[in-house]
N, C-alpha and C. Protein backbone atom coordinates (compact mmCIF):
# COMPACT_ATOMS: atom_id res chain seq x y z
N MET A 1 0.84 -1.22 -0.02
CA MET A 1 -0.10 -0.18 -0.22
C MET A 1 0.94 1.40 0.23
N GLN A 2 0.56 1.96 -0.89
CA GLN A 2 1.26 3.41 -1.06
C GLN A 2 0.97 4.67 0.25
N ARG A 3 2.15 4.94 0.67
CA ARG A 3 1.84 5.71 1.76
C ARG A 3 1.30 7.30 0.96
N GLU A 4 0.64 8.27 1.01
CA GLU A 4 0.32 8.97 0.86
C GLU A 4 1.10 10.56 1.19
N LEU A 5 1.60 11.27 0.47
CA LEU A 5 2.44 12.35 0.98
C LEU A 5 1.77 13.73 0.56
N HIS A 6 1.23 14.59 1.38
CA HIS A 6 0.98 15.71 0.97
C HIS A 6 1.86 16.90 0.99
N TYR A 7 2.77 16.62 1.84
CA TYR A 7 4.21 17.75 1.64
C TYR A 7 5.25 16.86 1.71
N CYS A 8 6.23 17.91 0.77
CA CYS A 8 7.49 17.36 0.46
C CYS A 8 8.19 16.92 1.84
N PRO A 9 8.61 15.87 2.18
CA PRO A 9 9.67 15.61 3.41
C PRO A 9 10.74 16.11 3.17
N THR A 10 11.43 17.02 2.22
CA THR A 10 12.63 17.81 2.14
C THR A 10 12.50 19.17 3.03
N CYS A 11 11.47 19.74 1.93
CA CYS A 11 11.19 21.31 1.93
C CYS A 11 9.87 21.67 2.58
N GLY A 12 8.82 20.80 3.04
CA GLY A 12 7.57 20.89 3.30
C GLY A 12 6.34 21.71 2.54
N ALA A 13 7.20 21.54 1.27
CA ALA A 13 6.05 22.41 0.22
C ALA A 13 4.86 21.49 -0.34
N PRO A 14 4.18 21.77 -0.40
CA PRO A 14 2.65 20.53 -1.03
C PRO A 14 3.25 19.91 -1.99
N MET A 15 3.21 18.42 -2.07
CA MET A 15 3.17 17.64 -3.13
C MET A 15 1.87 17.57 -4.07
N SER A 16 2.71 17.19 -5.30
CA SER A 16 1.42 17.09 -6.56
C SER A 16 1.68 15.51 -6.89
N ARG A 17 1.20 14.73 -7.86
CA ARG A 17 1.08 13.78 -8.24
C ARG A 17 0.80 13.73 -9.90
N GLU A 18 2.36 13.67 -10.74
CA GLU A 18 2.32 13.89 -12.16
C GLU A 18 2.88 13.05 -12.19
N ILE A 19 3.23 12.24 -13.96
CA ILE A 19 3.93 11.34 -14.62
C ILE A 19 5.28 12.24 -15.03
N PRO A 20 6.37 12.11 -14.39
CA PRO A 20 7.95 13.03 -14.56
C PRO A 20 8.16 12.49 -16.37
N PRO A 21 8.40 13.67 -16.54
CA PRO A 21 9.35 13.46 -18.62
C PRO A 21 10.23 12.45 -18.53
N GLY A 22 9.76 11.44 -19.15
CA GLY A 22 10.49 10.11 -19.38
C GLY A 22 9.98 8.98 -18.39
N ASP A 23 9.21 9.25 -17.86
CA ASP A 23 8.81 8.30 -17.09
C ASP A 23 7.18 7.31 -17.11
N ASP A 24 6.59 6.77 -17.06
CA ASP A 24 5.44 6.09 -17.26
C ASP A 24 4.22 5.79 -16.57
N ARG A 25 4.47 6.49 -15.22
CA ARG A 25 3.35 6.43 -13.93
C ARG A 25 3.61 7.89 -13.06
N GLU A 26 2.46 7.48 -12.37
CA GLU A 26 2.18 9.62 -11.20
C GLU A 26 3.34 8.97 -10.67
N ARG A 27 4.00 9.99 -9.99
CA ARG A 27 5.34 10.22 -8.89
C ARG A 27 4.24 11.28 -7.73
N TYR A 28 4.98 11.19 -7.01
CA TYR A 28 5.06 12.54 -6.30
C TYR A 28 6.26 13.66 -6.45
N VAL A 29 5.74 14.59 -6.51
CA VAL A 29 6.56 15.86 -7.16
C VAL A 29 6.28 16.95 -6.02
N CYS A 30 7.28 17.41 -6.05
CA CYS A 30 7.50 18.38 -5.05
C CYS A 30 7.09 19.89 -5.95
N SER A 31 6.21 21.01 -5.07
CA SER A 31 5.39 21.72 -6.28
C SER A 31 6.72 22.75 -6.05
N ARG A 32 7.46 22.94 -5.35
CA ARG A 32 8.57 24.16 -5.38
C ARG A 32 9.94 23.70 -6.13
N ASP A 33 10.54 22.43 -6.22
CA ASP A 33 11.64 22.43 -6.59
C ASP A 33 12.11 21.31 -7.61
N GLY A 34 10.21 20.49 -7.92
CA GLY A 34 10.16 19.48 -8.76
C GLY A 34 11.24 17.85 -8.25
N GLU A 35 11.76 17.95 -7.47
CA GLU A 35 12.21 16.64 -6.58
C GLU A 35 11.11 15.84 -6.42
N ILE A 36 11.29 14.48 -7.31
CA ILE A 36 10.42 13.47 -7.29
C ILE A 36 10.97 12.12 -6.11
N PHE A 37 10.00 12.20 -5.72
CA PHE A 37 10.06 11.18 -4.83
C PHE A 37 9.42 9.70 -4.58
N TYR A 38 9.98 8.66 -5.11
CA TYR A 38 9.87 7.26 -5.62
C TYR A 38 9.20 6.41 -4.54
N GLN A 39 7.90 5.68 -4.97
CA GLN A 39 7.76 4.87 -3.44
C GLN A 39 7.74 3.27 -4.26
N ASN A 40 8.46 2.19 -3.67
CA ASN A 40 8.84 1.06 -4.03
C ASN A 40 8.08 0.17 -3.20
N PRO A 41 7.80 -1.03 -3.54
CA PRO A 41 7.04 -2.14 -2.76
C PRO A 41 8.10 -2.60 -1.34
N LEU A 42 7.54 -3.02 -0.59
CA LEU A 42 8.32 -3.70 0.78
C LEU A 42 8.58 -4.83 0.86
N VAL A 43 9.40 -5.12 1.05
CA VAL A 43 9.84 -7.01 1.04
C VAL A 43 10.06 -7.06 2.73
N VAL A 44 8.81 -8.13 2.64
CA VAL A 44 8.92 -9.02 3.87
C VAL A 44 9.57 -10.42 3.99
N VAL A 45 10.18 -10.59 4.50
CA VAL A 45 11.04 -12.18 4.54
C VAL A 45 10.98 -12.85 6.15
N GLY A 46 10.78 -13.63 5.84
CA GLY A 46 10.51 -15.24 6.97
C GLY A 46 11.21 -16.27 6.96
N THR A 47 10.67 -17.18 7.66
CA THR A 47 11.31 -18.89 7.61
C THR A 47 10.06 -19.67 7.84
N VAL A 48 10.40 -20.98 7.09
CA VAL A 48 9.66 -22.13 7.43
C VAL A 48 10.50 -22.70 7.93
N THR A 49 10.53 -23.21 9.56
CA THR A 49 11.63 -24.03 10.27
C THR A 49 10.87 -24.63 10.76
N GLU A 50 11.88 -26.19 10.78
CA GLU A 50 11.41 -27.34 11.15
C GLU A 50 12.14 -27.41 12.08
N HIS A 51 11.07 -28.93 12.90
CA HIS A 51 12.06 -29.61 13.95
C HIS A 51 11.71 -31.04 14.19
N ASP A 52 12.08 -31.74 13.66
CA ASP A 52 11.79 -33.53 14.11
C ASP A 52 9.94 -33.29 13.42
N GLY A 53 9.88 -32.75 12.12
CA GLY A 53 8.68 -32.80 11.35
C GLY A 53 8.07 -32.00 11.70
N ARG A 54 8.28 -31.31 12.84
CA ARG A 54 7.08 -29.95 13.09
C ARG A 54 7.56 -29.24 12.73
N ILE A 55 6.47 -27.81 12.39
CA ILE A 55 6.86 -26.26 12.18
C ILE A 55 6.79 -25.55 13.23
N LEU A 56 7.32 -24.33 12.96
CA LEU A 56 7.55 -23.32 14.08
C LEU A 56 6.45 -22.39 13.91
N LEU A 57 5.35 -22.11 14.46
CA LEU A 57 4.29 -20.94 14.89
C LEU A 57 4.41 -20.03 15.41
N CYS A 58 4.28 -18.74 15.15
CA CYS A 58 4.00 -17.44 16.12
C CYS A 58 2.28 -17.58 16.00
N ARG A 59 1.67 -17.24 17.19
CA ARG A 59 0.72 -16.15 17.42
C ARG A 59 1.04 -14.42 17.31
N ARG A 60 0.37 -14.21 16.60
CA ARG A 60 0.40 -13.02 16.47
C ARG A 60 -0.11 -11.89 18.11
N ALA A 61 0.77 -10.78 18.49
CA ALA A 61 0.32 -10.29 19.79
C ALA A 61 0.02 -8.84 19.30
N ILE A 62 0.16 -8.78 18.08
CA ILE A 62 0.39 -7.23 17.23
C ILE A 62 -0.51 -7.30 16.39
N GLU A 63 -1.07 -5.95 15.86
CA GLU A 63 -1.90 -6.03 14.49
C GLU A 63 -0.79 -5.87 14.00
N PRO A 64 -1.15 -6.14 12.10
CA PRO A 64 -2.75 -6.59 11.87
C PRO A 64 -2.71 -8.41 12.34
N ARG A 65 -3.93 -8.59 12.50
CA ARG A 65 -4.32 -10.28 12.48
C ARG A 65 -3.64 -10.55 13.87
N ALA A 66 -4.00 -9.80 14.90
CA ALA A 66 -3.28 -10.22 16.15
C ALA A 66 -4.20 -11.18 16.67
N GLY A 67 -3.72 -12.20 17.31
CA GLY A 67 -4.18 -13.48 17.81
C GLY A 67 -4.23 -14.43 16.66
N PHE A 68 -3.94 -14.44 15.68
CA PHE A 68 -3.71 -15.37 14.49
C PHE A 68 -2.45 -15.88 14.13
N TRP A 69 -2.13 -17.10 13.74
CA TRP A 69 -0.95 -17.80 13.76
C TRP A 69 -0.25 -17.60 12.49
N THR A 70 1.22 -17.68 12.27
CA THR A 70 2.13 -16.90 11.20
C THR A 70 3.12 -17.88 11.82
N LEU A 71 4.22 -17.52 10.12
CA LEU A 71 5.40 -17.94 10.06
C LEU A 71 5.86 -16.88 10.99
N PRO A 72 7.35 -17.26 11.36
CA PRO A 72 8.11 -15.71 11.82
C PRO A 72 8.55 -14.92 10.81
N ALA A 73 8.26 -13.67 10.66
CA ALA A 73 8.50 -12.82 9.22
C ALA A 73 8.10 -11.41 9.51
N GLY A 74 8.91 -10.62 8.65
CA GLY A 74 9.00 -9.23 9.01
C GLY A 74 9.78 -8.36 8.04
N PHE A 75 9.66 -7.05 7.81
CA PHE A 75 10.17 -6.45 6.72
C PHE A 75 11.52 -6.26 7.25
N LEU A 76 12.24 -6.08 5.79
CA LEU A 76 13.61 -6.20 5.74
C LEU A 76 14.11 -4.78 6.35
N GLU A 77 15.33 -4.69 6.57
CA GLU A 77 15.87 -3.51 7.11
C GLU A 77 16.93 -3.13 6.21
N LEU A 78 17.09 -1.90 6.22
CA LEU A 78 18.22 -0.96 5.46
C LEU A 78 19.65 -1.63 5.81
N GLY A 79 20.35 -1.84 5.02
CA GLY A 79 21.89 -2.86 5.61
C GLY A 79 21.99 -4.15 6.11
N GLU A 80 20.62 -4.69 5.75
CA GLU A 80 20.93 -6.50 5.95
C GLU A 80 20.40 -6.93 4.45
N THR A 81 20.88 -7.98 4.38
CA THR A 81 20.48 -9.14 3.43
C THR A 81 18.83 -10.17 3.85
N THR A 82 18.76 -10.52 2.76
CA THR A 82 17.22 -10.99 3.03
C THR A 82 17.37 -12.05 4.23
N ALA A 83 18.58 -12.89 3.91
CA ALA A 83 19.10 -13.94 4.66
C ALA A 83 19.35 -13.92 6.33
N GLU A 84 19.67 -12.36 6.49
CA GLU A 84 19.57 -11.81 7.57
C GLU A 84 18.23 -11.17 8.14
N ALA A 85 17.65 -11.11 7.30
CA ALA A 85 16.37 -10.66 7.75
C ALA A 85 15.35 -12.07 8.36
N GLY A 86 15.86 -12.79 7.59
CA GLY A 86 15.18 -13.89 8.00
C GLY A 86 15.67 -14.29 9.21
N LEU A 87 16.92 -14.53 9.58
CA LEU A 87 17.38 -14.96 10.58
C LEU A 87 16.97 -14.15 11.73
N ARG A 88 16.61 -12.48 11.91
CA ARG A 88 16.79 -11.88 12.75
C ARG A 88 15.00 -11.62 13.30
N GLU A 89 14.42 -11.89 11.72
CA GLU A 89 12.85 -12.05 12.29
C GLU A 89 12.44 -13.39 13.19
N THR A 90 13.42 -14.18 12.84
CA THR A 90 12.85 -15.64 13.75
C THR A 90 13.34 -15.41 14.93
N ARG A 91 14.59 -14.45 15.18
CA ARG A 91 14.83 -14.30 16.83
C ARG A 91 14.19 -13.80 17.62
N GLU A 92 13.47 -12.16 16.64
CA GLU A 92 12.85 -11.56 17.42
C GLU A 92 11.38 -12.17 17.46
N GLU A 93 10.94 -12.94 17.03
CA GLU A 93 9.63 -13.29 17.08
C GLU A 93 9.33 -14.45 17.49
N ALA A 94 10.25 -15.48 17.26
CA ALA A 94 10.23 -16.63 18.10
C ALA A 94 11.64 -17.26 19.06
N LEU A 95 11.93 -15.80 19.17
CA LEU A 95 13.38 -15.92 19.90
C LEU A 95 14.47 -17.04 19.71
N ALA A 96 14.51 -17.51 18.59
CA ALA A 96 15.12 -18.83 17.97
C ALA A 96 16.36 -18.58 17.13
N GLU A 97 17.15 -19.42 17.60
CA GLU A 97 18.45 -19.56 16.93
C GLU A 97 18.27 -20.58 15.99
N VAL A 98 18.10 -20.64 14.59
CA VAL A 98 17.73 -21.22 13.68
C VAL A 98 18.93 -21.60 12.75
N GLU A 99 19.27 -22.49 11.76
CA GLU A 99 20.29 -22.95 11.31
C GLU A 99 19.10 -22.47 9.54
N LEU A 100 19.86 -21.67 8.57
CA LEU A 100 19.07 -21.25 7.78
C LEU A 100 19.20 -21.98 6.61
N GLY A 101 18.48 -22.48 5.58
CA GLY A 101 18.69 -22.71 4.65
C GLY A 101 18.37 -22.37 3.32
N PRO A 102 17.91 -22.58 2.30
CA PRO A 102 18.01 -21.99 0.80
C PRO A 102 16.44 -21.30 0.90
N LEU A 103 16.81 -20.32 -0.16
CA LEU A 103 15.34 -19.16 -0.18
C LEU A 103 14.56 -20.46 -0.83
N PHE A 104 13.01 -20.56 -0.54
CA PHE A 104 11.86 -21.75 -0.42
C PHE A 104 11.03 -21.09 -1.31
N ALA A 105 10.54 -19.54 -1.19
CA ALA A 105 9.31 -18.90 -1.90
C ALA A 105 9.61 -17.62 -2.01
N LEU A 106 8.87 -17.32 -2.89
CA LEU A 106 8.74 -15.60 -3.02
C LEU A 106 7.58 -15.22 -3.69
N PHE A 107 6.67 -14.72 -3.06
CA PHE A 107 5.66 -14.30 -3.25
C PHE A 107 4.87 -12.55 -3.67
N ASN A 108 4.65 -12.44 -4.93
CA ASN A 108 4.30 -10.88 -5.08
C ASN A 108 3.17 -10.61 -4.62
N VAL A 109 2.86 -9.47 -4.04
CA VAL A 109 1.50 -8.84 -3.52
C VAL A 109 1.23 -7.90 -3.97
N ALA A 110 1.01 -7.35 -5.18
CA ALA A 110 1.47 -6.27 -5.60
C ALA A 110 0.21 -5.56 -5.15
N HIS A 111 -0.84 -5.93 -5.12
CA HIS A 111 -2.04 -4.73 -4.71
C HIS A 111 -1.58 -4.08 -3.34
N ILE A 112 -0.80 -4.30 -2.27
CA ILE A 112 -0.66 -3.63 -0.98
C ILE A 112 1.02 -3.38 -1.60
N GLY A 113 2.00 -3.48 -2.34
CA GLY A 113 2.94 -3.37 -2.85
C GLY A 113 4.03 -3.70 -1.64
N GLN A 114 3.80 -5.43 -1.78
CA GLN A 114 5.05 -6.04 -0.98
C GLN A 114 5.21 -7.29 -1.92
N VAL A 115 6.70 -8.10 -1.29
CA VAL A 115 7.13 -8.76 -1.89
C VAL A 115 7.42 -9.93 -0.59
N HIS A 116 6.82 -10.96 -0.49
CA HIS A 116 7.14 -12.12 0.63
C HIS A 116 8.11 -13.04 0.36
N MET A 117 9.16 -13.07 1.21
CA MET A 117 10.06 -14.50 0.90
C MET A 117 10.06 -14.99 1.90
N PHE A 118 10.22 -16.36 1.79
CA PHE A 118 10.45 -17.50 2.91
C PHE A 118 11.76 -18.14 2.82
N TYR A 119 12.65 -18.50 3.58
CA TYR A 119 13.54 -19.33 3.75
C TYR A 119 13.44 -20.76 4.40
N ARG A 120 14.13 -21.75 3.76
CA ARG A 120 13.79 -22.87 5.03
C ARG A 120 14.83 -22.95 5.64
N ALA A 121 14.22 -23.29 7.36
CA ALA A 121 15.69 -23.16 8.19
C ALA A 121 15.15 -24.61 9.27
N THR A 122 16.21 -24.82 10.13
CA THR A 122 16.12 -25.74 11.11
C THR A 122 16.30 -25.42 12.61
N LEU A 123 15.20 -25.41 13.08
CA LEU A 123 15.59 -25.25 14.78
C LEU A 123 16.55 -26.76 15.41
N PRO A 124 17.36 -26.48 15.77
CA PRO A 124 18.29 -27.39 16.25
C PRO A 124 17.51 -28.03 17.77
N ARG A 125 17.05 -27.44 18.27
CA ARG A 125 16.36 -27.76 20.02
C ARG A 125 15.30 -27.78 20.28
N ALA A 126 13.97 -28.73 20.37
CA ALA A 126 12.57 -28.70 20.77
C ALA A 126 12.28 -27.16 21.20
N ASP A 127 13.30 -27.45 22.40
CA ASP A 127 12.82 -26.26 23.50
C ASP A 127 13.66 -24.93 23.28
N GLY A 128 13.78 -24.59 21.55
CA GLY A 128 14.60 -23.65 21.11
C GLY A 128 13.90 -22.33 21.03
N HIS A 129 12.45 -22.08 21.23
CA HIS A 129 11.54 -21.22 20.99
C HIS A 129 10.85 -20.48 22.43
N ALA A 130 10.55 -19.47 21.94
CA ALA A 130 9.65 -18.89 22.80
C ALA A 130 9.15 -17.75 22.15
N ALA A 131 8.07 -16.76 22.86
CA ALA A 131 7.66 -16.03 22.43
C ALA A 131 8.02 -14.67 22.40
N GLY A 132 8.43 -13.87 21.15
CA GLY A 132 8.86 -12.59 21.56
C GLY A 132 8.28 -11.51 21.59
N PRO A 133 8.53 -10.11 21.48
CA PRO A 133 8.00 -9.21 21.72
C PRO A 133 6.52 -8.73 20.94
N GLU A 134 6.74 -9.62 20.31
CA GLU A 134 5.34 -9.46 19.10
C GLU A 134 4.32 -10.26 18.96
N SER A 135 4.92 -11.82 19.59
CA SER A 135 4.22 -12.69 19.43
C SER A 135 3.85 -13.07 21.20
N ALA A 136 2.55 -13.64 20.65
CA ALA A 136 1.72 -14.42 22.14
C ALA A 136 1.89 -15.71 22.49
N GLU A 137 2.56 -16.51 21.97
CA GLU A 137 3.12 -17.52 21.87
C GLU A 137 3.88 -18.58 20.89
N THR A 138 4.28 -19.24 20.89
CA THR A 138 4.88 -20.16 19.65
C THR A 138 4.88 -21.39 20.24
N ALA A 139 4.93 -22.75 19.03
CA ALA A 139 4.27 -23.71 19.21
C ALA A 139 5.45 -24.34 17.86
N LEU A 140 5.46 -25.86 18.41
CA LEU A 140 5.63 -26.74 16.96
C LEU A 140 5.05 -27.33 16.76
N VAL A 141 4.27 -27.17 15.50
CA VAL A 141 3.37 -27.67 15.28
C VAL A 141 3.41 -29.00 13.99
N ALA A 142 2.89 -30.22 14.13
CA ALA A 142 2.87 -31.10 13.30
C ALA A 142 1.68 -30.81 12.07
N PRO A 143 2.30 -31.44 10.85
CA PRO A 143 1.34 -31.31 10.19
C PRO A 143 -0.06 -31.16 10.22
N GLY A 144 -0.33 -31.87 10.66
CA GLY A 144 -2.25 -32.15 10.98
C GLY A 144 -2.90 -31.53 11.87
N ASP A 145 -1.72 -30.97 12.28
CA ASP A 145 -2.64 -30.18 13.08
C ASP A 145 -2.33 -28.46 13.16
N ILE A 146 -1.80 -27.89 12.00
CA ILE A 146 -1.87 -26.71 11.35
C ILE A 146 -2.89 -26.04 11.73
N PRO A 147 -3.29 -24.75 11.88
CA PRO A 147 -4.57 -24.28 12.16
C PRO A 147 -4.86 -23.73 11.04
N TRP A 148 -5.39 -24.08 10.00
CA TRP A 148 -5.25 -23.54 8.86
C TRP A 148 -6.16 -22.50 8.59
N ARG A 149 -7.28 -22.04 9.14
CA ARG A 149 -8.38 -21.15 9.04
C ARG A 149 -8.20 -19.96 9.87
N GLN A 150 -6.88 -20.01 10.83
CA GLN A 150 -6.28 -19.33 11.80
C GLN A 150 -5.05 -18.94 11.72
N LEU A 151 -4.48 -19.03 9.91
CA LEU A 151 -3.10 -18.53 9.57
C LEU A 151 -3.63 -17.07 9.12
N ALA A 152 -2.79 -16.10 9.78
CA ALA A 152 -2.87 -14.43 9.74
C ALA A 152 -2.80 -14.17 7.86
N PHE A 153 -2.44 -14.88 7.03
CA PHE A 153 -2.48 -14.23 5.59
C PHE A 153 -2.28 -15.24 4.81
N PRO A 154 -2.92 -14.87 3.45
CA PRO A 154 -2.72 -16.04 2.46
C PRO A 154 -1.06 -16.55 1.95
N THR A 155 -0.12 -15.42 1.94
CA THR A 155 1.14 -15.28 1.52
C THR A 155 1.59 -16.97 2.46
N ILE A 156 1.32 -17.00 4.20
CA ILE A 156 1.62 -17.71 5.26
C ILE A 156 1.44 -19.23 4.79
N HIS A 157 -0.20 -19.48 4.32
CA HIS A 157 -1.14 -20.42 3.80
C HIS A 157 -0.23 -21.22 2.78
N ARG A 158 -0.28 -20.09 1.89
CA ARG A 158 0.91 -20.64 0.45
C ARG A 158 2.44 -21.39 0.71
N ALA A 159 2.75 -20.36 1.72
CA ALA A 159 4.24 -21.24 1.93
C ALA A 159 4.00 -22.48 2.44
N LEU A 160 3.24 -22.89 3.37
CA LEU A 160 3.09 -23.88 4.14
C LEU A 160 2.69 -24.65 3.31
N GLU A 161 1.42 -24.40 2.23
CA GLU A 161 1.28 -25.52 1.43
C GLU A 161 2.39 -25.96 0.49
N ARG A 162 3.26 -24.99 -0.19
CA ARG A 162 4.23 -25.45 -1.18
C ARG A 162 5.48 -26.27 -0.01
N TYR A 163 5.46 -26.04 1.03
CA TYR A 163 6.39 -26.46 1.99
C TYR A 163 6.14 -28.11 2.33
N LEU A 164 4.90 -28.27 2.41
CA LEU A 164 4.11 -29.91 2.86
C LEU A 164 4.31 -30.68 1.99
N ALA A 165 4.02 -29.79 0.46
CA ALA A 165 4.03 -30.87 -0.63
C ALA A 165 5.29 -30.98 -0.95
N ASP A 166 5.89 -30.07 -0.77
CA ASP A 166 7.43 -30.83 -1.27
C ASP A 166 8.25 -31.67 -0.63
N ARG A 167 7.99 -31.56 0.94
CA ARG A 167 8.65 -32.28 1.96
C ARG A 167 8.02 -33.55 1.65
N GLU A 168 6.69 -33.96 1.19
CA GLU A 168 5.86 -34.96 0.93
C GLU A 168 6.60 -35.79 -0.44
N ARG A 169 7.12 -35.01 -1.21
CA ARG A 169 7.48 -35.64 -2.45
C ARG A 169 9.00 -35.77 -2.21
N GLY A 170 9.87 -35.22 -1.23
CA GLY A 170 10.95 -35.27 -0.93
C GLY A 170 11.94 -34.42 -1.59
N GLU A 171 11.79 -33.54 -2.32
CA GLU A 171 12.45 -32.64 -3.17
C GLU A 171 11.61 -30.89 -2.95
N PHE A 172 12.58 -30.22 -2.45
CA PHE A 172 12.47 -28.90 -2.19
C PHE A 172 12.50 -28.03 -3.40
N GLY A 173 11.53 -27.57 -3.96
CA GLY A 173 11.97 -26.44 -5.01
C GLY A 173 12.12 -24.98 -4.59
N LEU A 174 11.99 -23.98 -5.60
CA LEU A 174 12.10 -22.54 -5.19
C LEU A 174 10.75 -22.11 -5.89
N HIS A 175 9.40 -21.86 -5.00
CA HIS A 175 8.49 -21.26 -5.92
C HIS A 175 8.01 -19.92 -5.76
N THR A 176 7.38 -19.59 -6.65
CA THR A 176 7.26 -18.33 -7.22
C THR A 176 5.48 -18.41 -7.52
N ASP A 177 4.82 -17.02 -6.65
CA ASP A 177 3.45 -16.90 -7.26
C ASP A 177 2.92 -15.23 -6.92
N ASP A 178 2.11 -15.31 -7.84
CA ASP A 178 1.44 -13.55 -7.51
C ASP A 178 -0.11 -13.94 -7.00
N LEU A 179 -0.16 -13.10 -5.65
CA LEU A 179 -1.11 -13.63 -4.32
C LEU A 179 -2.14 -12.14 -5.06
N GLY A 180 -3.00 -11.78 -5.21
CA GLY A 180 -4.19 -11.01 -6.10
C GLY A 180 -4.95 -10.79 -4.93
N ARG A 181 -5.74 -9.82 -4.50
CA ARG A 181 -6.63 -9.34 -4.15
C ARG A 181 -7.80 -10.37 -3.67
N GLU A 182 -8.24 -11.70 -4.63
CA GLU A 182 -9.04 -12.59 -4.88
C GLU A 182 -8.63 -13.07 -3.19
N SER A 183 -7.21 -13.52 -2.74
CA SER A 183 -6.60 -14.77 -2.41
C SER A 183 -6.76 -14.01 -0.31
N TRP A 184 -7.36 -12.78 -0.76
CA TRP A 184 -7.81 -11.92 0.67
C TRP A 184 -9.01 -11.99 1.25
N HIS A 185 -10.05 -12.85 0.35
CA HIS A 185 -11.56 -12.71 0.63
C HIS A 185 -12.01 -14.28 1.25
N GLY A 186 -12.42 -13.10 2.29
CA GLY A 186 -12.72 -14.21 3.59
C GLY A 186 -11.55 -14.24 4.68
N ILE A 187 -10.82 -13.79 4.30
CA ILE A 187 -9.21 -13.71 5.42
C ILE A 187 -9.86 -12.98 6.20
N LEU A 188 -10.02 -11.44 6.17
CA LEU A 188 -9.74 -10.81 7.40
C LEU A 188 -11.13 -10.89 7.54
N ASP A 189 -11.89 -11.42 7.31
CA ASP A 189 -13.36 -11.41 8.00
C ASP A 189 -13.79 -12.39 9.30
N ARG A 190 -12.35 -13.25 9.50
CA ARG A 190 -12.37 -14.39 10.40
C ARG A 190 -12.16 -13.08 12.03
N GLU A 191 -12.36 -14.04 12.96
CA GLU A 191 -11.89 -13.84 14.07
C GLU A 191 -10.81 -14.87 14.84
N PRO A 192 -10.46 -14.39 15.84
CA PRO A 192 -9.40 -15.20 15.92
C PRO A 192 -10.43 -16.56 17.11
N GLU A 193 -9.93 -17.63 17.15
CA GLU A 193 -9.90 -18.67 18.29
C GLU A 193 -9.68 -18.27 19.67
N GLN A 194 -10.07 -19.16 20.17
CA GLN A 194 -9.47 -19.26 21.65
C GLN A 194 -8.12 -20.08 21.67
N PRO A 195 -7.32 -19.97 22.15
CA PRO A 195 -5.61 -20.58 22.30
C PRO A 195 -5.93 -21.83 22.15
N ILE A 196 -4.82 -22.47 21.30
CA ILE A 196 -5.05 -24.08 20.63
C ILE A 196 -4.03 -24.88 21.69
N GLU A 197 -4.61 -26.02 22.37
CA GLU A 197 -4.07 -26.80 23.35
C GLU A 197 -3.14 -27.67 22.38
N TRP A 198 -1.64 -27.44 22.52
CA TRP A 198 -0.95 -28.76 21.68
C TRP A 198 -0.61 -30.12 21.72
N GLY A 199 -0.78 -30.92 21.25
CA GLY A 199 -0.03 -31.84 21.97
C GLY A 199 0.91 -32.29 22.24
């Protein structure tokens, strides 16, 4: 989603929306000096972390989608690689130090201006996770116990589907997909359920 700019971040003059010479789309342009401000997609990076056949999930403690389950993931920061972001987000959300594997999935979510990337990862110890500041709880979940209707975002659903299918086949690939607005229908209408008692 694009952030609206009403005033120039540099000088405070009003902003206009126009197509600059040589460009093919509208940009924010400073009305005083013509400086162009480009807005680009945000990158979300996370991990599909496994230990002994179970997948690490986090219950979100913050909006959006507080109370729903997700893979540990978050926004790429300036100055870090996507791999570093995957490790950092897993550490922040699940207090887990994982062994990072290869890039597993890349999903374009163009209608909200985001790209979501997921790496495969391994958790060395079953007790090596706990809720970080943005999580209400964490759990290692067997494939048959994944709360599919309680997953926070369509990209989480898609990443887990692809991961489990590859694992069943015994061969992991790199998955790319475009998730449009239709993938969100019905997702945002759901209410979080009561805490799940994991076996």
